[in-house]
Amino acid sequence: MKHIKLIILTVTIPFLLNSCGAIVKGSASKKMTVENGAIPADFGKDDTVLICVLKGRNSRDNYMRKHIKKNYKGKYEFVLQSDVYSHKYDDRDKYRYLFDYNAGSMRSTSYSNLTGEIETRHLPTSSYYIMDRKSNEYYFSNISSGFFSKLIQAYSINMEKVRLSNQ
């Protein structure tokens, strides 16, 4: 019986995670638009370099690199958060836009059959945004999720669509 439960778990959990990720990506794609205030209307109009902020967190940084390289064809640089305000990036005409995230958490409470107690967990979430460094305006995606890879993927695809439409 234990083997059957283990087999069911090993098949079901990855399926559910992929399904949830697809739902997050689809929802994010709809919300991360110019119309919803997540991307500046003139994004990509000028010959600017997008600053993609890295935080020194391997998984998040790796997904940032992966999805930007794959989906965004404009100019960009990956910059550690500690270096964003260095003199190299003082030219706000050249380095106008910054792509970053706010970290948060969501509380999940459930009953444990093993311990017979209610357990509370804090699950990490992310909410991505674009900052116009020239005007000091923020363009928030208004979606937060623990599937940060899917958020970066959807945002980078939509940024590229807007960039292309402004060429």
N, C-alpha and C. Protein backbone atom coordinates (compact mmCIF):
# COMPACT_ATOMS: atom_id res chain seq x y z
N MET A 1 0.81 -1.19 0.00
CA MET A 1 0.00 0.00 0.00
C MET A 1 0.86 1.26 0.00
N LYS A 2 1.97 1.23 0.78
CA LYS A 2 2.87 2.38 0.82
C LYS A 2 3.46 2.67 -0.55
N HIS A 3 3.76 1.59 -1.30
CA HIS A 3 4.36 1.77 -2.62
C HIS A 3 3.38 2.42 -3.59
N ILE A 4 2.13 2.05 -3.47
CA ILE A 4 1.11 2.65 -4.34
C ILE A 4 0.95 4.14 -4.03
N LYS A 5 0.94 4.50 -2.74
CA LYS A 5 0.85 5.91 -2.37
C LYS A 5 2.06 6.69 -2.87
N LEU A 6 3.22 6.09 -2.77
CA LEU A 6 4.44 6.75 -3.23
C LEU A 6 4.40 6.96 -4.73
N ILE A 7 3.94 5.98 -5.47
CA ILE A 7 3.83 6.11 -6.93
C ILE A 7 2.83 7.20 -7.29
N ILE A 8 1.71 7.22 -6.61
CA ILE A 8 0.69 8.24 -6.88
C ILE A 8 1.26 9.63 -6.60
N LEU A 9 1.97 9.79 -5.50
CA LEU A 9 2.56 11.09 -5.16
C LEU A 9 3.61 11.52 -6.18
N THR A 10 4.46 10.58 -6.63
CA THR A 10 5.51 10.96 -7.57
C THR A 10 4.96 11.32 -8.94
N VAL A 11 3.79 10.86 -9.27
CA VAL A 11 3.16 11.22 -10.54
C VAL A 11 2.29 12.47 -10.39
N THR A 12 1.54 12.54 -9.31
CA THR A 12 0.58 13.62 -9.11
C THR A 12 1.23 14.97 -8.81
N ILE A 13 2.21 14.99 -7.94
CA ILE A 13 2.82 16.27 -7.53
C ILE A 13 3.45 17.00 -8.71
N PRO A 14 4.30 16.36 -9.54
CA PRO A 14 4.85 17.09 -10.69
C PRO A 14 3.77 17.58 -11.65
N PHE A 15 2.72 16.77 -11.84
CA PHE A 15 1.62 17.19 -12.71
C PHE A 15 0.94 18.44 -12.17
N LEU A 16 0.65 18.45 -10.88
CA LEU A 16 0.00 19.61 -10.28
C LEU A 16 0.89 20.85 -10.34
N LEU A 17 2.18 20.67 -10.10
CA LEU A 17 3.09 21.81 -10.15
C LEU A 17 3.17 22.39 -11.56
N ASN A 18 3.23 21.53 -12.57
CA ASN A 18 3.25 22.02 -13.95
C ASN A 18 1.95 22.71 -14.31
N SER A 19 0.84 22.16 -13.88
CA SER A 19 -0.47 22.75 -14.17
C SER A 19 -0.58 24.12 -13.52
N CYS A 20 -0.19 24.23 -12.26
CA CYS A 20 -0.25 25.51 -11.56
C CYS A 20 0.66 26.53 -12.22
N GLY A 21 1.86 26.10 -12.63
CA GLY A 21 2.79 27.00 -13.31
C GLY A 21 2.21 27.53 -14.60
N ALA A 22 1.52 26.67 -15.34
CA ALA A 22 0.90 27.10 -16.60
C ALA A 22 -0.22 28.11 -16.33
N ILE A 23 -0.96 27.90 -15.28
CA ILE A 23 -2.03 28.84 -14.92
C ILE A 23 -1.43 30.19 -14.53
N VAL A 24 -0.36 30.17 -13.74
CA VAL A 24 0.31 31.42 -13.33
C VAL A 24 0.83 32.16 -14.55
N LYS A 25 1.51 31.44 -15.47
CA LYS A 25 2.05 32.08 -16.67
C LYS A 25 0.94 32.70 -17.51
N GLY A 26 -0.16 31.99 -17.69
CA GLY A 26 -1.28 32.51 -18.48
C GLY A 26 -1.88 33.76 -17.86
N SER A 27 -2.08 33.72 -16.56
CA SER A 27 -2.63 34.87 -15.85
C SER A 27 -1.68 36.05 -15.91
N ALA A 28 -0.38 35.77 -15.71
CA ALA A 28 0.63 36.83 -15.74
C ALA A 28 0.70 37.47 -17.12
N SER A 29 0.63 36.65 -18.17
CA SER A 29 0.68 37.19 -19.53
C SER A 29 -0.45 38.18 -19.79
N LYS A 30 -1.60 37.92 -19.22
CA LYS A 30 -2.75 38.81 -19.40
C LYS A 30 -2.62 40.10 -18.58
N LYS A 31 -1.96 40.01 -17.43
CA LYS A 31 -1.86 41.17 -16.54
C LYS A 31 -0.62 42.03 -16.81
N MET A 32 0.43 41.45 -17.35
CA MET A 32 1.69 42.18 -17.55
C MET A 32 1.68 42.87 -18.91
N THR A 33 0.84 43.90 -19.02
CA THR A 33 0.68 44.61 -20.28
C THR A 33 0.75 46.12 -20.07
N VAL A 34 0.85 46.84 -21.17
CA VAL A 34 0.82 48.30 -21.13
C VAL A 34 -0.54 48.75 -20.60
N GLU A 35 -1.60 48.13 -21.07
CA GLU A 35 -2.96 48.51 -20.68
C GLU A 35 -3.20 48.35 -19.18
N ASN A 36 -2.56 47.40 -18.57
CA ASN A 36 -2.72 47.17 -17.13
C ASN A 36 -1.67 47.90 -16.29
N GLY A 37 -0.86 48.73 -16.94
CA GLY A 37 0.12 49.53 -16.22
C GLY A 37 1.37 48.79 -15.79
N ALA A 38 1.64 47.64 -16.40
CA ALA A 38 2.82 46.85 -16.02
C ALA A 38 4.04 47.14 -16.89
N ILE A 39 3.81 47.75 -18.06
CA ILE A 39 4.90 48.07 -18.98
C ILE A 39 4.67 49.49 -19.49
N PRO A 40 5.72 50.33 -19.51
CA PRO A 40 5.57 51.69 -20.04
C PRO A 40 5.20 51.65 -21.52
N ALA A 41 4.33 52.54 -21.94
CA ALA A 41 3.87 52.57 -23.33
C ALA A 41 5.01 52.79 -24.32
N ASP A 42 6.03 53.55 -23.94
CA ASP A 42 7.14 53.83 -24.85
C ASP A 42 8.35 52.92 -24.62
N PHE A 43 8.14 51.80 -23.95
CA PHE A 43 9.21 50.85 -23.65
C PHE A 43 9.86 50.37 -24.95
N GLY A 44 11.19 50.50 -25.04
CA GLY A 44 11.92 50.04 -26.21
C GLY A 44 11.95 51.03 -27.35
N LYS A 45 11.34 52.19 -27.17
CA LYS A 45 11.28 53.19 -28.24
C LYS A 45 12.66 53.76 -28.54
N ASP A 46 13.42 54.04 -27.51
CA ASP A 46 14.77 54.57 -27.66
C ASP A 46 15.78 53.44 -27.55
N ASP A 47 17.00 53.75 -27.88
CA ASP A 47 18.08 52.76 -27.82
C ASP A 47 18.62 52.68 -26.40
N THR A 48 17.81 52.12 -25.50
CA THR A 48 18.20 52.05 -24.09
C THR A 48 18.62 50.63 -23.73
N VAL A 49 19.27 50.51 -22.57
CA VAL A 49 19.71 49.21 -22.06
C VAL A 49 18.88 48.89 -20.82
N LEU A 50 18.20 47.76 -20.84
CA LEU A 50 17.39 47.31 -19.71
C LEU A 50 18.31 46.74 -18.64
N ILE A 51 18.20 47.26 -17.42
CA ILE A 51 18.95 46.70 -16.29
C ILE A 51 18.11 45.60 -15.67
N CYS A 52 18.63 44.38 -15.68
CA CYS A 52 17.97 43.23 -15.06
C CYS A 52 18.69 42.95 -13.75
N VAL A 53 17.99 43.17 -12.66
CA VAL A 53 18.62 43.10 -11.35
C VAL A 53 18.78 41.66 -10.88
N LEU A 54 20.01 41.34 -10.47
CA LEU A 54 20.32 40.04 -9.88
C LEU A 54 20.53 40.26 -8.39
N LYS A 55 20.06 39.33 -7.59
CA LYS A 55 20.12 39.48 -6.14
C LYS A 55 21.12 38.55 -5.46
N GLY A 56 21.81 37.74 -6.25
CA GLY A 56 22.73 36.79 -5.64
C GLY A 56 22.02 35.55 -5.12
N ARG A 57 20.83 35.31 -5.63
CA ARG A 57 20.08 34.10 -5.27
C ARG A 57 20.07 33.22 -6.51
N ASN A 58 20.74 32.10 -6.43
CA ASN A 58 21.02 31.29 -7.62
C ASN A 58 19.80 30.96 -8.46
N SER A 59 18.75 30.43 -7.88
CA SER A 59 17.62 30.00 -8.70
C SER A 59 16.93 31.18 -9.36
N ARG A 60 16.66 32.24 -8.61
CA ARG A 60 16.00 33.41 -9.20
C ARG A 60 16.88 34.06 -10.26
N ASP A 61 18.14 34.22 -9.95
CA ASP A 61 19.07 34.82 -10.90
C ASP A 61 19.20 33.98 -12.17
N ASN A 62 19.25 32.67 -12.00
CA ASN A 62 19.36 31.77 -13.17
C ASN A 62 18.13 31.89 -14.06
N TYR A 63 16.95 31.95 -13.46
CA TYR A 63 15.73 32.10 -14.27
C TYR A 63 15.67 33.48 -14.93
N MET A 64 16.16 34.50 -14.25
CA MET A 64 16.22 35.84 -14.84
C MET A 64 17.09 35.78 -16.10
N ARG A 65 18.28 35.22 -15.96
CA ARG A 65 19.19 35.11 -17.11
C ARG A 65 18.56 34.28 -18.23
N LYS A 66 18.00 33.14 -17.88
CA LYS A 66 17.44 32.23 -18.87
C LYS A 66 16.32 32.88 -19.68
N HIS A 67 15.35 33.47 -19.00
CA HIS A 67 14.19 33.99 -19.72
C HIS A 67 14.47 35.30 -20.45
N ILE A 68 15.31 36.15 -19.90
CA ILE A 68 15.67 37.38 -20.60
C ILE A 68 16.45 37.03 -21.86
N LYS A 69 17.44 36.18 -21.74
CA LYS A 69 18.24 35.78 -22.92
C LYS A 69 17.37 35.15 -24.00
N LYS A 70 16.43 34.34 -23.59
CA LYS A 70 15.60 33.62 -24.56
C LYS A 70 14.52 34.50 -25.19
N ASN A 71 13.91 35.39 -24.40
CA ASN A 71 12.71 36.10 -24.86
C ASN A 71 12.90 37.57 -25.20
N TYR A 72 13.86 38.23 -24.60
CA TYR A 72 14.02 39.67 -24.80
C TYR A 72 15.19 39.93 -25.73
N LYS A 73 14.94 40.57 -26.86
CA LYS A 73 15.97 40.75 -27.88
C LYS A 73 16.54 42.17 -27.92
N GLY A 74 16.09 43.03 -27.02
CA GLY A 74 16.66 44.36 -26.91
C GLY A 74 17.97 44.29 -26.13
N LYS A 75 18.56 45.47 -25.91
CA LYS A 75 19.80 45.52 -25.13
C LYS A 75 19.47 45.39 -23.65
N TYR A 76 20.29 44.62 -22.94
CA TYR A 76 20.10 44.44 -21.50
C TYR A 76 21.44 44.13 -20.86
N GLU A 77 21.49 44.35 -19.56
CA GLU A 77 22.64 43.95 -18.76
C GLU A 77 22.12 43.36 -17.46
N PHE A 78 22.77 42.29 -17.03
CA PHE A 78 22.47 41.71 -15.72
C PHE A 78 23.37 42.40 -14.71
N VAL A 79 22.77 42.99 -13.70
CA VAL A 79 23.51 43.81 -12.74
C VAL A 79 23.14 43.38 -11.33
N LEU A 80 24.16 43.15 -10.51
CA LEU A 80 23.89 42.85 -9.11
C LEU A 80 23.23 44.06 -8.45
N GLN A 81 22.31 43.79 -7.56
CA GLN A 81 21.58 44.86 -6.89
C GLN A 81 22.53 45.88 -6.26
N SER A 82 23.62 45.42 -5.70
CA SER A 82 24.57 46.32 -5.05
C SER A 82 25.28 47.25 -6.03
N ASP A 83 25.25 46.92 -7.33
CA ASP A 83 25.94 47.73 -8.34
C ASP A 83 25.01 48.64 -9.14
N VAL A 84 23.72 48.53 -8.95
CA VAL A 84 22.76 49.31 -9.75
C VAL A 84 23.01 50.81 -9.64
N TYR A 85 23.38 51.27 -8.46
CA TYR A 85 23.56 52.72 -8.26
C TYR A 85 25.03 53.13 -8.32
N SER A 86 25.85 52.30 -8.98
CA SER A 86 27.26 52.68 -9.19
C SER A 86 27.32 53.70 -10.33
N HIS A 87 28.46 54.34 -10.46
CA HIS A 87 28.63 55.39 -11.48
C HIS A 87 28.44 54.86 -12.90
N LYS A 88 28.69 53.59 -13.10
CA LYS A 88 28.55 53.01 -14.44
C LYS A 88 27.13 53.20 -14.98
N TYR A 89 26.13 53.19 -14.10
CA TYR A 89 24.74 53.25 -14.53
C TYR A 89 24.09 54.61 -14.27
N ASP A 90 24.91 55.65 -14.11
CA ASP A 90 24.39 57.00 -13.85
C ASP A 90 23.62 57.58 -15.04
N ASP A 91 23.95 57.18 -16.25
CA ASP A 91 23.29 57.71 -17.45
C ASP A 91 21.88 57.12 -17.56
N ARG A 92 20.91 57.88 -17.11
CA ARG A 92 19.52 57.39 -17.07
C ARG A 92 18.83 57.45 -18.43
N ASP A 93 19.46 58.08 -19.39
CA ASP A 93 18.94 58.01 -20.76
C ASP A 93 19.32 56.68 -21.38
N LYS A 94 20.54 56.25 -21.14
CA LYS A 94 21.02 54.97 -21.67
C LYS A 94 20.44 53.79 -20.88
N TYR A 95 20.49 53.87 -19.55
CA TYR A 95 19.99 52.81 -18.66
C TYR A 95 18.68 53.27 -18.05
N ARG A 96 17.69 53.45 -18.89
CA ARG A 96 16.44 54.05 -18.43
C ARG A 96 15.58 53.11 -17.59
N TYR A 97 15.46 51.87 -18.03
CA TYR A 97 14.53 50.94 -17.37
C TYR A 97 15.25 49.88 -16.55
N LEU A 98 14.65 49.53 -15.44
CA LEU A 98 15.17 48.54 -14.53
C LEU A 98 14.08 47.48 -14.32
N PHE A 99 14.46 46.21 -14.39
CA PHE A 99 13.53 45.09 -14.20
C PHE A 99 13.93 44.38 -12.91
N ASP A 100 13.01 44.32 -11.95
CA ASP A 100 13.34 43.80 -10.62
C ASP A 100 12.09 43.18 -10.00
N TYR A 101 12.21 42.71 -8.78
CA TYR A 101 11.07 42.13 -8.08
C TYR A 101 11.07 42.51 -6.61
N ASN A 102 9.91 42.42 -6.02
CA ASN A 102 9.74 42.53 -4.57
C ASN A 102 9.46 41.13 -4.06
N ALA A 103 10.14 40.77 -2.98
CA ALA A 103 9.91 39.46 -2.38
C ALA A 103 8.85 39.58 -1.29
N GLY A 104 8.05 38.57 -1.17
CA GLY A 104 7.03 38.54 -0.13
C GLY A 104 6.82 37.10 0.30
N SER A 105 5.75 36.88 1.01
CA SER A 105 5.41 35.52 1.40
C SER A 105 3.91 35.40 1.57
N MET A 106 3.46 34.18 1.45
CA MET A 106 2.05 33.87 1.61
C MET A 106 1.96 32.80 2.70
N ARG A 107 1.02 32.96 3.59
CA ARG A 107 0.86 32.01 4.69
C ARG A 107 -0.08 30.90 4.27
N SER A 108 0.33 29.68 4.54
CA SER A 108 -0.47 28.50 4.24
C SER A 108 -0.67 27.72 5.53
N THR A 109 -1.91 27.44 5.87
CA THR A 109 -2.23 26.69 7.08
C THR A 109 -2.95 25.41 6.69
N SER A 110 -2.50 24.29 7.27
CA SER A 110 -3.13 23.02 6.96
C SER A 110 -3.05 22.09 8.17
N TYR A 111 -3.86 21.08 8.14
CA TYR A 111 -3.89 20.07 9.20
C TYR A 111 -2.96 18.93 8.80
N SER A 112 -2.10 18.52 9.71
CA SER A 112 -1.17 17.42 9.45
C SER A 112 -1.73 16.13 10.01
N ASN A 113 -1.92 15.15 9.14
CA ASN A 113 -2.36 13.83 9.60
C ASN A 113 -1.27 13.13 10.39
N LEU A 114 -0.03 13.46 10.13
CA LEU A 114 1.08 12.82 10.83
C LEU A 114 1.17 13.26 12.28
N THR A 115 1.08 14.56 12.52
CA THR A 115 1.24 15.07 13.89
C THR A 115 -0.08 15.33 14.59
N GLY A 116 -1.16 15.43 13.82
CA GLY A 116 -2.46 15.73 14.40
C GLY A 116 -2.58 17.20 14.81
N GLU A 117 -1.70 18.04 14.25
CA GLU A 117 -1.71 19.46 14.59
C GLU A 117 -1.89 20.31 13.33
N ILE A 118 -2.29 21.53 13.57
CA ILE A 118 -2.39 22.49 12.48
C ILE A 118 -1.00 23.09 12.26
N GLU A 119 -0.55 23.09 11.01
CA GLU A 119 0.78 23.61 10.67
C GLU A 119 0.63 24.86 9.80
N THR A 120 1.46 25.83 10.07
CA THR A 120 1.48 27.04 9.27
C THR A 120 2.85 27.17 8.62
N ARG A 121 2.83 27.44 7.33
CA ARG A 121 4.06 27.63 6.58
C ARG A 121 3.99 28.99 5.88
N HIS A 122 5.14 29.58 5.69
CA HIS A 122 5.24 30.81 4.91
C HIS A 122 5.93 30.46 3.60
N LEU A 123 5.20 30.66 2.51
CA LEU A 123 5.72 30.32 1.19
C LEU A 123 6.22 31.59 0.51
N PRO A 124 7.45 31.56 -0.04
CA PRO A 124 7.99 32.76 -0.69
C PRO A 124 7.24 33.09 -1.98
N THR A 125 7.00 34.37 -2.19
CA THR A 125 6.36 34.84 -3.42
C THR A 125 7.19 35.98 -4.00
N SER A 126 6.94 36.30 -5.24
CA SER A 126 7.61 37.41 -5.91
C SER A 126 6.59 38.20 -6.71
N SER A 127 6.86 39.48 -6.83
CA SER A 127 6.06 40.36 -7.67
C SER A 127 7.03 41.23 -8.46
N TYR A 128 7.01 41.12 -9.78
CA TYR A 128 7.98 41.80 -10.63
C TYR A 128 7.45 43.16 -11.09
N TYR A 129 8.38 44.03 -11.44
CA TYR A 129 8.03 45.38 -11.89
C TYR A 129 9.13 45.95 -12.77
N ILE A 130 8.77 47.01 -13.48
CA ILE A 130 9.71 47.79 -14.27
C ILE A 130 9.75 49.19 -13.65
N MET A 131 10.95 49.73 -13.51
CA MET A 131 11.10 51.09 -13.01
C MET A 131 11.68 51.95 -14.12
N ASP A 132 11.03 53.08 -14.38
CA ASP A 132 11.57 54.07 -15.30
C ASP A 132 12.47 54.97 -14.46
N ARG A 133 13.76 54.80 -14.59
CA ARG A 133 14.72 55.52 -13.76
C ARG A 133 14.78 57.01 -14.13
N LYS A 134 14.37 57.33 -15.33
CA LYS A 134 14.39 58.73 -15.77
C LYS A 134 13.27 59.53 -15.12
N SER A 135 12.07 58.96 -15.08
CA SER A 135 10.92 59.66 -14.51
C SER A 135 10.61 59.21 -13.08
N ASN A 136 11.33 58.19 -12.59
CA ASN A 136 11.12 57.61 -11.27
C ASN A 136 9.70 57.03 -11.11
N GLU A 137 9.17 56.47 -12.20
CA GLU A 137 7.85 55.83 -12.17
C GLU A 137 8.01 54.31 -12.12
N TYR A 138 7.08 53.68 -11.43
CA TYR A 138 7.08 52.23 -11.30
C TYR A 138 5.90 51.65 -12.06
N TYR A 139 6.14 50.52 -12.72
CA TYR A 139 5.11 49.81 -13.47
C TYR A 139 5.03 48.41 -12.86
N PHE A 140 4.03 48.22 -12.02
CA PHE A 140 3.88 46.97 -11.28
C PHE A 140 3.01 45.98 -12.05
N SER A 141 3.34 44.71 -11.91
CA SER A 141 2.61 43.66 -12.62
C SER A 141 1.30 43.28 -11.95
N ASN A 142 1.14 43.61 -10.68
CA ASN A 142 -0.08 43.29 -9.91
C ASN A 142 -0.40 41.81 -9.88
N ILE A 143 0.64 41.00 -9.93
CA ILE A 143 0.47 39.57 -9.72
C ILE A 143 1.67 39.09 -8.91
N SER A 144 1.39 38.28 -7.92
CA SER A 144 2.43 37.75 -7.04
C SER A 144 2.27 36.24 -6.99
N SER A 145 3.40 35.54 -7.04
CA SER A 145 3.34 34.08 -7.04
C SER A 145 4.66 33.49 -6.59
N GLY A 146 4.63 32.26 -6.17
CA GLY A 146 5.83 31.51 -5.86
C GLY A 146 6.46 30.92 -7.12
N PHE A 147 5.74 30.95 -8.22
CA PHE A 147 6.26 30.46 -9.50
C PHE A 147 6.99 31.60 -10.21
N PHE A 148 8.09 32.07 -9.60
CA PHE A 148 8.78 33.25 -10.11
C PHE A 148 9.33 33.04 -11.51
N SER A 149 9.70 31.82 -11.88
CA SER A 149 10.18 31.56 -13.23
C SER A 149 9.11 31.88 -14.27
N LYS A 150 7.88 31.50 -13.96
CA LYS A 150 6.78 31.75 -14.90
C LYS A 150 6.48 33.25 -15.00
N LEU A 151 6.64 33.97 -13.88
CA LEU A 151 6.43 35.42 -13.91
C LEU A 151 7.48 36.10 -14.78
N ILE A 152 8.74 35.73 -14.60
CA ILE A 152 9.81 36.31 -15.41
C ILE A 152 9.60 35.98 -16.88
N GLN A 153 9.22 34.76 -17.16
CA GLN A 153 8.99 34.33 -18.54
C GLN A 153 7.89 35.16 -19.19
N ALA A 154 6.76 35.28 -18.52
CA ALA A 154 5.63 36.04 -19.08
C ALA A 154 6.00 37.51 -19.25
N TYR A 155 6.65 38.09 -18.27
CA TYR A 155 7.02 39.51 -18.34
C TYR A 155 8.00 39.76 -19.49
N SER A 156 9.02 38.89 -19.62
CA SER A 156 10.01 39.09 -20.67
C SER A 156 9.41 38.95 -22.06
N ILE A 157 8.48 38.04 -22.23
CA ILE A 157 7.79 37.88 -23.53
C ILE A 157 6.99 39.14 -23.84
N ASN A 158 6.26 39.65 -22.86
CA ASN A 158 5.45 40.85 -23.08
C ASN A 158 6.31 42.10 -23.27
N MET A 159 7.43 42.21 -22.56
CA MET A 159 8.34 43.34 -22.78
C MET A 159 8.85 43.33 -24.22
N GLU A 160 9.17 42.16 -24.73
CA GLU A 160 9.68 42.07 -26.10
C GLU A 160 8.60 42.46 -27.11
N LYS A 161 7.36 42.08 -26.87
CA LYS A 161 6.27 42.47 -27.77
C LYS A 161 6.12 43.99 -27.80
N VAL A 162 6.18 44.62 -26.65
CA VAL A 162 6.06 46.09 -26.60
C VAL A 162 7.27 46.74 -27.25
N ARG A 163 8.45 46.22 -26.97
CA ARG A 163 9.68 46.76 -27.58
C ARG A 163 9.59 46.71 -29.09
N LEU A 164 9.16 45.58 -29.63
CA LEU A 164 9.04 45.43 -31.08
C LEU A 164 7.99 46.38 -31.67
N SER A 165 6.90 46.56 -30.96
CA SER A 165 5.84 47.45 -31.47
C SER A 165 6.27 48.91 -31.48
N ASN A 166 7.29 49.25 -30.70
CA ASN A 166 7.80 50.64 -30.62
C ASN A 166 9.00 50.89 -31.52
N GLN A 167 9.37 49.91 -32.33
CA GLN A 167 10.53 50.08 -33.24
C GLN A 167 10.14 50.81 -34.51
